[in-house]
Amino acid sequence: ISACLVGSEMCIRDSVLVMPKLSPTMTEGVISKLNIKPGQVVASHDAVMEVSTSSLLNTSDEKSVMDIEIIEDMHVAVVFGKVNDVLKVGSPVALLCDSADDIAMATDLKVRYVA
């Protein structure tokens, strides 16, 4: 997935947090917990969300739940996802910036995603 930021340019280090692929056959996941909000600073190795596949499967025996961590310090600019959202792998959950100065710019942008 690539992000096209319309109306202004963002720092090249800005990142889109997406629904991860937890297994080779996973096509979508559920945000079972969301630990971020706009304006928040997240540190390296902070768990920003919990992803589950349990409600997508037919049996309760097959359940995958995983904390998703950030690998570097970032600032949360925009959060697209909500708890209990079912998202396809690669769908945007949040826009993260490496600088607090970029947050205001990011919230003023219209973000369009192209698969």
N, C-alpha and C. Protein backbone atom coordinates (compact mmCIF):
# COMPACT_ATOMS: atom_id res chain seq x y z
N ILE A 1 0.86 -1.18 0.00
CA ILE A 1 0.00 0.00 0.00
C ILE A 1 0.90 1.23 0.00
N SER A 2 0.52 2.24 -0.75
CA SER A 2 1.31 3.47 -0.75
C SER A 2 0.39 4.62 -0.40
N ALA A 3 0.95 5.62 0.27
CA ALA A 3 0.15 6.77 0.67
C ALA A 3 0.47 7.95 -0.22
N CYS A 4 -0.54 8.60 -0.72
CA CYS A 4 -0.38 9.83 -1.48
C CYS A 4 -0.87 10.97 -0.59
N LEU A 5 -0.01 11.86 -0.20
CA LEU A 5 -0.39 12.96 0.67
C LEU A 5 -0.67 14.18 -0.21
N VAL A 6 -1.91 14.63 -0.19
CA VAL A 6 -2.36 15.67 -1.11
C VAL A 6 -2.41 17.02 -0.40
N GLY A 7 -1.92 18.07 -1.03
CA GLY A 7 -2.03 19.41 -0.49
C GLY A 7 -0.75 19.95 0.10
N SER A 8 0.16 19.08 0.43
CA SER A 8 1.43 19.50 1.00
C SER A 8 2.35 18.29 1.01
N GLU A 9 3.64 18.52 1.18
CA GLU A 9 4.57 17.39 1.25
C GLU A 9 4.89 17.10 2.70
N MET A 10 5.03 15.83 3.01
CA MET A 10 5.40 15.41 4.35
C MET A 10 6.85 14.97 4.35
N CYS A 11 7.41 14.89 5.53
CA CYS A 11 8.77 14.38 5.70
C CYS A 11 8.81 12.96 5.17
N ILE A 12 9.89 12.57 4.52
CA ILE A 12 9.99 11.25 3.93
C ILE A 12 9.94 10.13 4.97
N ARG A 13 10.23 10.45 6.22
CA ARG A 13 10.24 9.42 7.26
C ARG A 13 8.86 9.18 7.87
N ASP A 14 7.86 9.92 7.46
CA ASP A 14 6.51 9.67 7.96
C ASP A 14 6.07 8.28 7.52
N SER A 15 5.33 7.61 8.37
CA SER A 15 4.99 6.21 8.13
C SER A 15 3.51 5.96 8.30
N VAL A 16 3.02 5.00 7.55
CA VAL A 16 1.65 4.55 7.70
C VAL A 16 1.69 3.21 8.45
N LEU A 17 1.02 3.16 9.60
CA LEU A 17 0.87 1.92 10.35
C LEU A 17 -0.28 1.16 9.71
N VAL A 18 -0.03 -0.06 9.27
CA VAL A 18 -1.04 -0.84 8.57
C VAL A 18 -1.38 -2.12 9.33
N MET A 19 -2.50 -2.74 8.95
CA MET A 19 -2.86 -4.05 9.50
C MET A 19 -1.81 -5.05 9.04
N PRO A 20 -1.12 -5.68 9.99
CA PRO A 20 -0.05 -6.60 9.61
C PRO A 20 -0.59 -7.97 9.20
N LYS A 21 0.24 -8.72 8.52
CA LYS A 21 -0.08 -10.09 8.13
C LYS A 21 0.59 -11.01 9.15
N LEU A 22 -0.21 -11.64 10.02
CA LEU A 22 0.32 -12.46 11.10
C LEU A 22 0.60 -13.90 10.69
N SER A 23 0.06 -14.31 9.55
CA SER A 23 0.32 -15.67 9.06
C SER A 23 0.24 -15.64 7.53
N PRO A 24 0.78 -16.67 6.88
CA PRO A 24 0.77 -16.69 5.42
C PRO A 24 -0.63 -16.69 4.81
N THR A 25 -1.62 -17.19 5.54
CA THR A 25 -2.98 -17.25 5.00
C THR A 25 -3.88 -16.12 5.46
N MET A 26 -3.38 -15.26 6.33
CA MET A 26 -4.21 -14.17 6.87
C MET A 26 -4.50 -13.14 5.79
N THR A 27 -5.78 -12.77 5.65
CA THR A 27 -6.18 -11.75 4.68
C THR A 27 -6.78 -10.52 5.36
N GLU A 28 -7.25 -10.69 6.60
CA GLU A 28 -7.79 -9.56 7.36
C GLU A 28 -7.63 -9.84 8.85
N GLY A 29 -7.72 -8.78 9.65
CA GLY A 29 -7.58 -8.90 11.09
C GLY A 29 -8.50 -7.94 11.81
N VAL A 30 -8.63 -8.16 13.12
CA VAL A 30 -9.49 -7.33 13.96
C VAL A 30 -8.60 -6.53 14.91
N ILE A 31 -8.85 -5.24 15.01
CA ILE A 31 -8.16 -4.44 16.03
C ILE A 31 -8.87 -4.72 17.35
N SER A 32 -8.25 -5.52 18.20
CA SER A 32 -8.89 -5.87 19.47
C SER A 32 -8.53 -4.88 20.58
N LYS A 33 -7.44 -4.16 20.39
CA LYS A 33 -7.04 -3.13 21.36
C LYS A 33 -6.23 -2.09 20.61
N LEU A 34 -6.48 -0.81 20.91
CA LEU A 34 -5.76 0.28 20.26
C LEU A 34 -5.19 1.17 21.35
N ASN A 35 -3.88 1.29 21.40
CA ASN A 35 -3.20 2.00 22.49
C ASN A 35 -2.66 3.36 22.06
N ILE A 36 -3.17 3.92 20.98
CA ILE A 36 -2.66 5.20 20.48
C ILE A 36 -3.80 6.18 20.26
N LYS A 37 -3.42 7.47 20.29
CA LYS A 37 -4.37 8.53 19.97
C LYS A 37 -3.58 9.68 19.35
N PRO A 38 -4.24 10.52 18.56
CA PRO A 38 -3.54 11.62 17.90
C PRO A 38 -2.79 12.50 18.90
N GLY A 39 -1.57 12.89 18.52
CA GLY A 39 -0.75 13.74 19.36
C GLY A 39 0.16 12.99 20.32
N GLN A 40 -0.09 11.71 20.49
CA GLN A 40 0.68 10.89 21.42
C GLN A 40 2.07 10.57 20.86
N VAL A 41 3.05 10.50 21.75
CA VAL A 41 4.39 10.05 21.38
C VAL A 41 4.48 8.58 21.76
N VAL A 42 4.90 7.75 20.81
CA VAL A 42 5.11 6.33 21.10
C VAL A 42 6.59 6.03 20.99
N ALA A 43 7.09 5.28 21.96
CA ALA A 43 8.51 4.95 22.01
C ALA A 43 8.76 3.61 21.35
N SER A 44 9.98 3.42 20.93
CA SER A 44 10.40 2.16 20.35
C SER A 44 9.99 1.01 21.26
N HIS A 45 9.40 -0.01 20.69
CA HIS A 45 8.94 -1.23 21.38
C HIS A 45 7.64 -1.04 22.16
N ASP A 46 6.98 0.12 22.05
CA ASP A 46 5.64 0.27 22.63
C ASP A 46 4.65 -0.54 21.80
N ALA A 47 3.74 -1.23 22.48
CA ALA A 47 2.66 -1.95 21.78
C ALA A 47 1.59 -0.92 21.43
N VAL A 48 1.39 -0.67 20.14
CA VAL A 48 0.44 0.35 19.71
C VAL A 48 -0.95 -0.21 19.48
N MET A 49 -1.03 -1.52 19.22
CA MET A 49 -2.34 -2.16 19.06
C MET A 49 -2.20 -3.66 19.25
N GLU A 50 -3.35 -4.28 19.45
CA GLU A 50 -3.43 -5.72 19.54
C GLU A 50 -4.32 -6.19 18.39
N VAL A 51 -3.83 -7.15 17.64
CA VAL A 51 -4.56 -7.66 16.48
C VAL A 51 -4.98 -9.09 16.77
N SER A 52 -6.22 -9.40 16.40
CA SER A 52 -6.77 -10.73 16.63
C SER A 52 -7.38 -11.26 15.34
N THR A 53 -7.33 -12.57 15.18
CA THR A 53 -8.02 -13.21 14.06
C THR A 53 -9.15 -14.10 14.57
N SER A 54 -9.40 -14.11 15.88
CA SER A 54 -10.35 -15.04 16.47
C SER A 54 -11.78 -14.90 15.95
N SER A 55 -12.27 -13.69 15.77
CA SER A 55 -13.66 -13.52 15.32
C SER A 55 -13.82 -13.81 13.83
N LEU A 56 -12.71 -14.01 13.13
CA LEU A 56 -12.78 -14.29 11.71
C LEU A 56 -12.78 -15.78 11.41
N LEU A 57 -12.49 -16.58 12.44
CA LEU A 57 -12.38 -18.02 12.25
C LEU A 57 -13.63 -18.73 12.73
N ASN A 58 -13.86 -19.91 12.21
CA ASN A 58 -15.05 -20.67 12.57
C ASN A 58 -14.96 -21.36 13.92
N THR A 59 -13.76 -21.63 14.40
CA THR A 59 -13.61 -22.34 15.67
C THR A 59 -12.81 -21.49 16.64
N SER A 60 -13.14 -21.61 17.92
CA SER A 60 -12.40 -20.86 18.93
C SER A 60 -11.05 -21.47 19.20
N ASP A 61 -10.79 -22.70 18.69
CA ASP A 61 -9.49 -23.35 18.88
C ASP A 61 -8.39 -22.65 18.08
N GLU A 62 -8.77 -22.06 16.96
CA GLU A 62 -7.80 -21.40 16.09
C GLU A 62 -7.85 -19.90 16.35
N LYS A 63 -6.99 -19.44 17.24
CA LYS A 63 -7.01 -18.03 17.61
C LYS A 63 -5.59 -17.47 17.57
N SER A 64 -5.45 -16.33 16.97
CA SER A 64 -4.16 -15.67 16.93
C SER A 64 -4.35 -14.25 17.44
N VAL A 65 -3.63 -13.91 18.49
CA VAL A 65 -3.66 -12.55 19.04
C VAL A 65 -2.22 -12.11 19.20
N MET A 66 -1.92 -10.89 18.75
CA MET A 66 -0.55 -10.42 18.83
C MET A 66 -0.50 -8.92 19.10
N ASP A 67 0.41 -8.53 19.99
CA ASP A 67 0.69 -7.11 20.18
C ASP A 67 1.56 -6.63 19.03
N ILE A 68 1.24 -5.47 18.49
CA ILE A 68 2.02 -4.89 17.41
C ILE A 68 2.82 -3.72 18.00
N GLU A 69 4.14 -3.81 17.85
CA GLU A 69 5.03 -2.81 18.44
C GLU A 69 5.61 -1.88 17.37
N ILE A 70 5.97 -0.69 17.82
CA ILE A 70 6.66 0.29 16.98
C ILE A 70 8.16 0.04 17.11
N ILE A 71 8.90 0.19 16.01
CA ILE A 71 10.34 -0.09 16.08
C ILE A 71 11.20 1.15 16.31
N GLU A 72 10.58 2.33 16.26
CA GLU A 72 11.34 3.55 16.57
C GLU A 72 10.39 4.58 17.17
N ASP A 73 10.94 5.56 17.86
CA ASP A 73 10.12 6.62 18.46
C ASP A 73 9.39 7.39 17.36
N MET A 74 8.08 7.58 17.54
CA MET A 74 7.26 8.28 16.54
C MET A 74 6.18 9.09 17.25
N HIS A 75 5.58 10.00 16.51
CA HIS A 75 4.44 10.80 16.98
C HIS A 75 3.21 10.37 16.19
N VAL A 76 2.10 10.18 16.87
CA VAL A 76 0.86 9.77 16.20
C VAL A 76 0.19 11.02 15.65
N ALA A 77 -0.02 11.07 14.35
CA ALA A 77 -0.66 12.23 13.72
C ALA A 77 -2.16 11.99 13.54
N VAL A 78 -2.51 10.88 12.91
CA VAL A 78 -3.91 10.59 12.60
C VAL A 78 -4.16 9.11 12.88
N VAL A 79 -5.29 8.79 13.49
CA VAL A 79 -5.68 7.39 13.72
C VAL A 79 -6.93 7.13 12.88
N PHE A 80 -6.82 6.16 11.97
CA PHE A 80 -7.94 5.80 11.10
C PHE A 80 -8.75 4.64 11.68
N GLY A 81 -8.07 3.69 12.33
CA GLY A 81 -8.72 2.49 12.83
C GLY A 81 -9.36 2.69 14.19
N LYS A 82 -10.32 1.79 14.50
CA LYS A 82 -10.99 1.80 15.80
C LYS A 82 -11.03 0.37 16.33
N VAL A 83 -11.22 0.22 17.63
CA VAL A 83 -11.35 -1.10 18.23
C VAL A 83 -12.53 -1.82 17.58
N ASN A 84 -12.34 -3.08 17.29
CA ASN A 84 -13.30 -3.98 16.64
C ASN A 84 -13.42 -3.78 15.13
N ASP A 85 -12.63 -2.88 14.55
CA ASP A 85 -12.61 -2.77 13.09
C ASP A 85 -12.02 -4.04 12.50
N VAL A 86 -12.63 -4.55 11.45
CA VAL A 86 -12.09 -5.66 10.68
C VAL A 86 -11.46 -5.05 9.44
N LEU A 87 -10.14 -5.19 9.31
CA LEU A 87 -9.41 -4.55 8.22
C LEU A 87 -8.65 -5.58 7.39
N LYS A 88 -8.59 -5.36 6.09
CA LYS A 88 -7.77 -6.20 5.23
C LYS A 88 -6.30 -5.94 5.55
N VAL A 89 -5.47 -6.97 5.37
CA VAL A 89 -4.03 -6.82 5.56
C VAL A 89 -3.54 -5.68 4.68
N GLY A 90 -2.75 -4.78 5.26
CA GLY A 90 -2.22 -3.64 4.52
C GLY A 90 -3.08 -2.39 4.62
N SER A 91 -4.27 -2.49 5.21
CA SER A 91 -5.14 -1.32 5.36
C SER A 91 -4.55 -0.37 6.40
N PRO A 92 -4.68 0.94 6.19
CA PRO A 92 -4.11 1.90 7.13
C PRO A 92 -4.82 1.91 8.47
N VAL A 93 -4.03 1.99 9.54
CA VAL A 93 -4.56 2.12 10.90
C VAL A 93 -4.24 3.50 11.44
N ALA A 94 -3.03 4.01 11.16
CA ALA A 94 -2.64 5.32 11.67
C ALA A 94 -1.51 5.90 10.81
N LEU A 95 -1.38 7.23 10.88
CA LEU A 95 -0.28 7.93 10.25
C LEU A 95 0.65 8.40 11.36
N LEU A 96 1.91 8.02 11.27
CA LEU A 96 2.91 8.36 12.28
C LEU A 96 3.95 9.29 11.68
N CYS A 97 4.43 10.24 12.49
CA CYS A 97 5.44 11.20 12.05
C CYS A 97 6.66 11.10 12.95
N ASP A 98 7.81 11.45 12.42
CA ASP A 98 9.01 11.42 13.24
C ASP A 98 9.21 12.72 14.01
N SER A 99 8.39 13.73 13.74
CA SER A 99 8.52 15.02 14.41
C SER A 99 7.15 15.55 14.84
N ALA A 100 7.09 16.14 16.01
CA ALA A 100 5.84 16.74 16.49
C ALA A 100 5.40 17.88 15.57
N ASP A 101 6.35 18.53 14.92
CA ASP A 101 6.03 19.63 14.01
C ASP A 101 5.20 19.16 12.81
N ASP A 102 5.33 17.88 12.45
CA ASP A 102 4.61 17.34 11.30
C ASP A 102 3.16 16.98 11.61
N ILE A 103 2.80 16.90 12.89
CA ILE A 103 1.44 16.47 13.26
C ILE A 103 0.39 17.44 12.74
N ALA A 104 0.59 18.72 12.95
CA ALA A 104 -0.39 19.72 12.48
C ALA A 104 -0.54 19.66 10.97
N MET A 105 0.58 19.50 10.27
CA MET A 105 0.54 19.43 8.82
C MET A 105 -0.22 18.18 8.38
N ALA A 106 0.03 17.06 9.05
CA ALA A 106 -0.61 15.80 8.68
C ALA A 106 -2.12 15.85 8.89
N THR A 107 -2.58 16.49 9.95
CA THR A 107 -4.01 16.54 10.20
C THR A 107 -4.74 17.47 9.23
N ASP A 108 -4.00 18.37 8.59
CA ASP A 108 -4.60 19.25 7.60
C ASP A 108 -4.67 18.62 6.21
N LEU A 109 -4.00 17.50 6.03
CA LEU A 109 -3.93 16.87 4.71
C LEU A 109 -5.11 15.95 4.47
N LYS A 110 -5.46 15.80 3.21
CA LYS A 110 -6.38 14.74 2.80
C LYS A 110 -5.49 13.58 2.37
N VAL A 111 -5.68 12.44 2.99
CA VAL A 111 -4.82 11.30 2.68
C VAL A 111 -5.60 10.30 1.83
N ARG A 112 -5.02 9.93 0.71
CA ARG A 112 -5.65 8.99 -0.20
C ARG A 112 -4.73 7.77 -0.33
N TYR A 113 -5.28 6.57 -0.18
CA TYR A 113 -4.48 5.35 -0.24
C TYR A 113 -4.72 4.63 -1.55
N VAL A 114 -3.65 4.17 -2.12
CA VAL A 114 -3.71 3.46 -3.39
C VAL A 114 -3.13 2.06 -3.15
N ALA A 115 -3.91 1.03 -3.42
CA ALA A 115 -3.43 -0.35 -3.21
C ALA A 115 -2.39 -0.71 -4.25
